C-alpha atoms as a PDB file:
ATOM      1  CA  UNK A   1      69.977   8.368 -33.554  1.00  0.00           C
ATOM      2  CA  UNK A   2      66.917   8.987 -31.510  1.00  0.00           C
ATOM      3  CA  UNK A   3      66.906   8.196 -27.909  1.00  0.00           C
ATOM      4  CA  UNK A   4      64.633   5.312 -26.783  1.00  0.00           C
ATOM      5  CA  UNK A   5      61.591   6.138 -24.664  1.00  0.00           C
ATOM      6  CA  UNK A   6      62.022   4.378 -21.387  1.00  0.00           C
ATOM      7  CA  UNK A   7      59.653   6.290 -19.155  1.00  0.00           C
ATOM      8  CA  UNK A   8      56.053   7.321 -19.917  1.00  0.00           C
ATOM      9  CA  UNK A   9      54.630   9.868 -17.553  1.00  0.00           C
ATOM     10  CA  UNK A  10      50.910   9.524 -17.126  1.00  0.00           C
ATOM     11  CA  UNK A  11      49.056  12.631 -15.974  1.00  0.00           C
ATOM     12  CA  UNK A  12      47.106  11.886 -12.791  1.00  0.00           C
ATOM     13  CA  UNK A  13      44.565  14.619 -12.093  1.00  0.00           C
ATOM     14  CA  UNK A  14      44.522  16.068  -8.622  1.00  0.00           C
ATOM     15  CA  UNK A  15      41.387  16.500  -6.481  1.00  0.00           C
ATOM     16  CA  UNK A  16      40.534  19.952  -7.875  1.00  0.00           C
ATOM     17  CA  UNK A  17      40.797  18.728 -11.492  1.00  0.00           C
ATOM     18  CA  UNK A  18      38.597  15.716 -10.715  1.00  0.00           C
ATOM     19  CA  UNK A  19      35.964  17.972  -9.131  1.00  0.00           C
ATOM     20  CA  UNK A  20      36.069  20.385 -12.068  1.00  0.00           C
ATOM     21  CA  UNK A  21      35.665  17.459 -14.480  1.00  0.00           C
ATOM     22  CA  UNK A  22      32.678  16.161 -12.470  1.00  0.00           C
ATOM     23  CA  UNK A  23      31.030  19.606 -12.486  1.00  0.00           C
ATOM     24  CA  UNK A  24      31.556  19.917 -16.266  1.00  0.00           C
ATOM     25  CA  UNK A  25      30.010  16.478 -16.756  1.00  0.00           C
ATOM     26  CA  UNK A  26      26.939  17.396 -14.652  1.00  0.00           C
ATOM     27  CA  UNK A  27      26.476  20.720 -16.473  1.00  0.00           C
ATOM     28  CA  UNK A  28      26.728  18.988 -19.871  1.00  0.00           C
ATOM     29  CA  UNK A  29      24.149  16.386 -18.828  1.00  0.00           C
ATOM     30  CA  UNK A  30      21.783  19.090 -17.498  1.00  0.00           C
ATOM     31  CA  UNK A  31      22.182  21.160 -20.666  1.00  0.00           C
ATOM     32  CA  UNK A  32      21.410  18.104 -22.792  1.00  0.00           C
ATOM     33  CA  UNK A  33      18.017  17.462 -21.182  1.00  0.00           C
ATOM     34  CA  UNK A  34      16.889  20.245 -18.849  1.00  0.00           C
ATOM     35  CA  UNK A  35      13.178  19.290 -18.674  1.00  0.00           C
ATOM     36  CA  UNK A  36      13.603  16.189 -16.463  1.00  0.00           C
ATOM     37  CA  UNK A  37      15.954  18.095 -14.164  1.00  0.00           C
ATOM     38  CA  UNK A  38      13.453  20.951 -13.793  1.00  0.00           C
ATOM     39  CA  UNK A  39      10.676  18.430 -13.071  1.00  0.00           C
ATOM     40  CA  UNK A  40      12.839  16.715 -10.467  1.00  0.00           C
ATOM     41  CA  UNK A  41      13.587  20.029  -8.775  1.00  0.00           C
ATOM     42  CA  UNK A  42       9.860  20.855  -8.787  1.00  0.00           C
ATOM     43  CA  UNK A  43       9.065  17.500  -7.188  1.00  0.00           C
ATOM     44  CA  UNK A  44      11.736  18.071  -4.562  1.00  0.00           C
ATOM     45  CA  UNK A  45      10.323  21.520  -3.783  1.00  0.00           C
ATOM     46  CA  UNK A  46       6.832  20.058  -3.294  1.00  0.00           C
ATOM     47  CA  UNK A  47       8.164  17.266  -1.086  1.00  0.00           C
ATOM     48  CA  UNK A  48      10.057  19.841   0.967  1.00  0.00           C
ATOM     49  CA  UNK A  49       6.966  22.065   1.222  1.00  0.00           C
ATOM     50  CA  UNK A  50       4.917  19.116   2.489  1.00  0.00           C
ATOM     51  CA  UNK A  51       7.600  18.176   5.019  1.00  0.00           C
ATOM     52  CA  UNK A  52       8.249  14.804   3.432  1.00  0.00           C
ATOM     53  CA  UNK A  53      11.960  15.494   2.985  1.00  0.00           C
ATOM     54  CA  UNK A  54      12.287  16.462   6.658  1.00  0.00           C
ATOM     55  CA  UNK A  55      10.546  13.222   7.656  1.00  0.00           C
ATOM     56  CA  UNK A  56      12.798  11.136   5.408  1.00  0.00           C
ATOM     57  CA  UNK A  57      15.868  12.924   6.714  1.00  0.00           C
ATOM     58  CA  UNK A  58      14.752  12.281  10.293  1.00  0.00           C
ATOM     59  CA  UNK A  59      14.166   8.606   9.541  1.00  0.00           C
ATOM     60  CA  UNK A  60      17.580   8.261   7.935  1.00  0.00           C
ATOM     61  CA  UNK A  61      19.364  10.046  10.785  1.00  0.00           C
ATOM     62  CA  UNK A  62      17.597   7.894  13.387  1.00  0.00           C
ATOM     63  CA  UNK A  63      17.536   4.651  11.412  1.00  0.00           C
ATOM     64  CA  UNK A  64      19.369   2.662  14.076  1.00  0.00           C
ATOM     65  CA  UNK A  65      16.890   3.600  16.801  1.00  0.00           C
ATOM     66  CA  UNK A  66      13.932   3.013  14.466  1.00  0.00           C
ATOM     67  CA  UNK A  67      15.285  -0.411  13.496  1.00  0.00           C
ATOM     68  CA  UNK A  68      15.828  -1.255  17.153  1.00  0.00           C
ATOM     69  CA  UNK A  69      12.259  -0.289  18.030  1.00  0.00           C
ATOM     70  CA  UNK A  70      10.929  -2.270  15.062  1.00  0.00           C
ATOM     71  CA  UNK A  71      12.853  -5.390  16.030  1.00  0.00           C
ATOM     72  CA  UNK A  72      11.737  -4.989  19.651  1.00  0.00           C
ATOM     73  CA  UNK A  73       8.094  -4.774  18.502  1.00  0.00           C
ATOM     74  CA  UNK A  74       8.497  -7.827  16.265  1.00  0.00           C
ATOM     75  CA  UNK A  75       9.857  -9.847  19.175  1.00  0.00           C
ATOM     76  CA  UNK A  76       6.765  -9.225  21.300  1.00  0.00           C
ATOM     77  CA  UNK A  77       4.419 -12.168  21.773  1.00  0.00           C
ATOM     78  CA  UNK A  78       1.784 -12.298  19.079  1.00  0.00           C
ATOM     79  CA  UNK A  79       3.615 -10.085  16.571  1.00  0.00           C
ATOM     80  CA  UNK A  80       4.345 -13.054  14.323  1.00  0.00           C
ATOM     81  CA  UNK A  81       0.662 -14.012  14.325  1.00  0.00           C
ATOM     82  CA  UNK A  82      -0.310 -10.445  13.451  1.00  0.00           C
ATOM     83  CA  UNK A  83       2.056 -10.443  10.466  1.00  0.00           C
ATOM     84  CA  UNK A  84       0.864 -13.859   9.350  1.00  0.00           C
ATOM     85  CA  UNK A  85      -2.793 -12.794   9.671  1.00  0.00           C
ATOM     86  CA  UNK A  86      -2.117  -9.583   7.741  1.00  0.00           C
ATOM     87  CA  UNK A  87      -0.525 -11.566   4.920  1.00  0.00           C
ATOM     88  CA  UNK A  88      -3.496 -13.947   4.963  1.00  0.00           C
ATOM     89  CA  UNK A  89      -5.926 -11.021   4.823  1.00  0.00           C
ATOM     90  CA  UNK A  90      -4.116  -9.511   1.846  1.00  0.00           C
ATOM     91  CA  UNK A  91      -4.148 -12.881   0.062  1.00  0.00           C
ATOM     92  CA  UNK A  92      -7.866 -13.232   0.829  1.00  0.00           C
ATOM     93  CA  UNK A  93      -8.646  -9.766  -0.539  1.00  0.00           C
ATOM     94  CA  UNK A  94      -6.602 -10.438  -3.677  1.00  0.00           C
ATOM     95  CA  UNK A  95      -8.849 -13.420  -4.492  1.00  0.00           C
ATOM     96  CA  UNK A  96     -12.076 -11.396  -4.353  1.00  0.00           C
ATOM     97  CA  UNK A  97     -13.649  -9.865  -7.437  1.00  0.00           C
ATOM     98  CA  UNK A  98     -13.967  -6.128  -6.701  1.00  0.00           C
ATOM     99  CA  UNK A  99     -17.229  -5.782  -8.657  1.00  0.00           C
ATOM    100  CA  UNK A 100     -18.936  -8.591  -6.730  1.00  0.00           C
ATOM    101  CA  UNK A 101     -17.610  -7.243  -3.456  1.00  0.00           C
ATOM    102  CA  UNK A 102     -18.913  -3.771  -4.348  1.00  0.00           C
ATOM    103  CA  UNK A 103     -22.380  -5.243  -4.944  1.00  0.00           C
ATOM    104  CA  UNK A 104     -22.327  -6.953  -1.557  1.00  0.00           C
ATOM    105  CA  UNK A 105     -21.078  -3.801   0.200  1.00  0.00           C
ATOM    106  CA  UNK A 106     -23.806  -1.747  -1.459  1.00  0.00           C
ATOM    107  CA  UNK A 107     -26.472  -4.171  -0.213  1.00  0.00           C
ATOM    108  CA  UNK A 108     -24.884  -4.239   3.231  1.00  0.00           C
ATOM    109  CA  UNK A 109     -24.849  -0.452   3.378  1.00  0.00           C
ATOM    110  CA  UNK A 110     -28.507  -0.257   2.354  1.00  0.00           C
ATOM    111  CA  UNK A 111     -29.384  -2.881   4.967  1.00  0.00           C
ATOM    112  CA  UNK A 112     -27.606  -0.963   7.721  1.00  0.00           C
ATOM    113  CA  UNK A 113     -29.364   2.254   6.665  1.00  0.00           C
ATOM    114  CA  UNK A 114     -32.748   0.539   6.727  1.00  0.00           C
ATOM    115  CA  UNK A 115     -32.089  -1.214  10.054  1.00  0.00           C
ATOM    116  CA  UNK A 116     -30.902   2.013  11.695  1.00  0.00           C
ATOM    117  CA  UNK A 117     -33.908   4.018  10.489  1.00  0.00           C
ATOM    118  CA  UNK A 118     -34.936   6.696  12.997  1.00  0.00           C
ATOM    119  CA  UNK A 119     -38.635   5.883  12.878  1.00  0.00           C
ATOM    120  CA  UNK A 120     -39.804   4.002  15.979  1.00  0.00           C
ATOM    121  CA  UNK A 121     -40.870   0.447  15.225  1.00  0.00           C
ATOM    122  CA  UNK A 122     -42.904  -1.958  17.249  1.00  0.00           C
ATOM    123  CA  UNK A 123     -41.675  -5.394  18.090  1.00  0.00           C
ATOM    124  CA  UNK A 124     -42.399  -7.902  15.362  1.00  0.00           C
ATOM    125  CA  UNK A 125     -44.161 -11.066  16.224  1.00  0.00           C
ATOM    126  CA  UNK A 126     -43.447 -14.440  14.645  1.00  0.00           C
ATOM    127  CA  UNK A 127     -46.140 -14.009  11.969  1.00  0.00           C
ATOM    128  CA  UNK A 128     -44.829 -10.551  10.978  1.00  0.00           C
ATOM    129  CA  UNK A 129     -41.345 -11.993  10.646  1.00  0.00           C
ATOM    130  CA  UNK A 130     -42.638 -14.843   8.459  1.00  0.00           C
ATOM    131  CA  UNK A 131     -44.584 -12.354   6.289  1.00  0.00           C
ATOM    132  CA  UNK A 132     -41.428 -10.231   5.984  1.00  0.00           C
ATOM    133  CA  UNK A 133     -39.459 -13.269   4.797  1.00  0.00           C
ATOM    134  CA  UNK A 134     -41.911 -13.621   1.894  1.00  0.00           C
ATOM    135  CA  UNK A 135     -41.078 -10.118   0.592  1.00  0.00           C
ATOM    136  CA  UNK A 136     -38.782 -10.058  -2.482  1.00  0.00           C
ATOM    137  CA  UNK A 137     -36.117  -7.936  -0.770  1.00  0.00           C
ATOM    138  CA  UNK A 138     -35.851 -10.308   2.186  1.00  0.00           C
ATOM    139  CA  UNK A 139     -35.863 -13.266  -0.188  1.00  0.00           C
ATOM    140  CA  UNK A 140     -32.957 -11.784  -2.142  1.00  0.00           C
ATOM    141  CA  UNK A 141     -30.971 -11.319   1.067  1.00  0.00           C
ATOM    142  CA  UNK A 142     -31.744 -14.820   2.277  1.00  0.00           C
ATOM    143  CA  UNK A 143     -30.796 -16.245  -1.096  1.00  0.00           C
ATOM    144  CA  UNK A 144     -27.474 -14.378  -0.964  1.00  0.00           C
ATOM    145  CA  UNK A 145     -26.788 -15.636   2.577  1.00  0.00           C
ATOM    146  CA  UNK A 146     -27.598 -19.263   1.747  1.00  0.00           C
ATOM    147  CA  UNK A 147     -25.366 -19.101  -1.336  1.00  0.00           C
ATOM    148  CA  UNK A 148     -22.625 -17.678   0.857  1.00  0.00           C
ATOM    149  CA  UNK A 149     -23.073 -20.506   3.372  1.00  0.00           C
ATOM    150  CA  UNK A 150     -23.029 -23.116   0.596  1.00  0.00           C
ATOM    151  CA  UNK A 151     -19.879 -21.650  -0.897  1.00  0.00           C
ATOM    152  CA  UNK A 152     -18.215 -21.447   2.502  1.00  0.00           C
ATOM    153  CA  UNK A 153     -19.125 -25.083   3.203  1.00  0.00           C
ATOM    154  CA  UNK A 154     -17.695 -26.127  -0.154  1.00  0.00           C
ATOM    155  CA  UNK A 155     -14.477 -24.241   0.616  1.00  0.00           C
ATOM    156  CA  UNK A 156     -14.249 -25.861   4.046  1.00  0.00           C
ATOM    157  CA  UNK A 157     -14.668 -29.343   2.554  1.00  0.00           C
ATOM    158  CA  UNK A 158     -11.948 -28.648  -0.029  1.00  0.00           C
ATOM    159  CA  UNK A 159      -9.494 -27.445   2.614  1.00  0.00           C
ATOM    160  CA  UNK A 160      -9.853 -30.581   4.743  1.00  0.00           C
END
């Protein structure tokens, strides 16, 4: 009769076999889709050329000191208010319509250009100022400013 199997020997690969298996797996994966790997290598070359990889490596090697400096800066008086104000500013900007803001910035830019004109101007008297306020351009600006003030007042009332 046949002898009963009482011991099963399982083959446990050594370190060299594990490394060879890992290399075979990487080569098979690269051979299966070489385009993404070539693109990744190209990106890495560009990052290295620009010095980005050196900067990242420096940050990683000095991460403890950088973290220490960052925590020290955050513990300074006023740092919490700065962070809170920055978050508030980002929230404020996210509520604005970019097209409307662009229109306002364009008008503001034109106003600064006109106000900073190189030609020498004489002082305006009260009557010249009143006549200027009757011009359509000045009226448009005043209308915009009063609408802004009305909207700001409405927002202030709602927040109280």
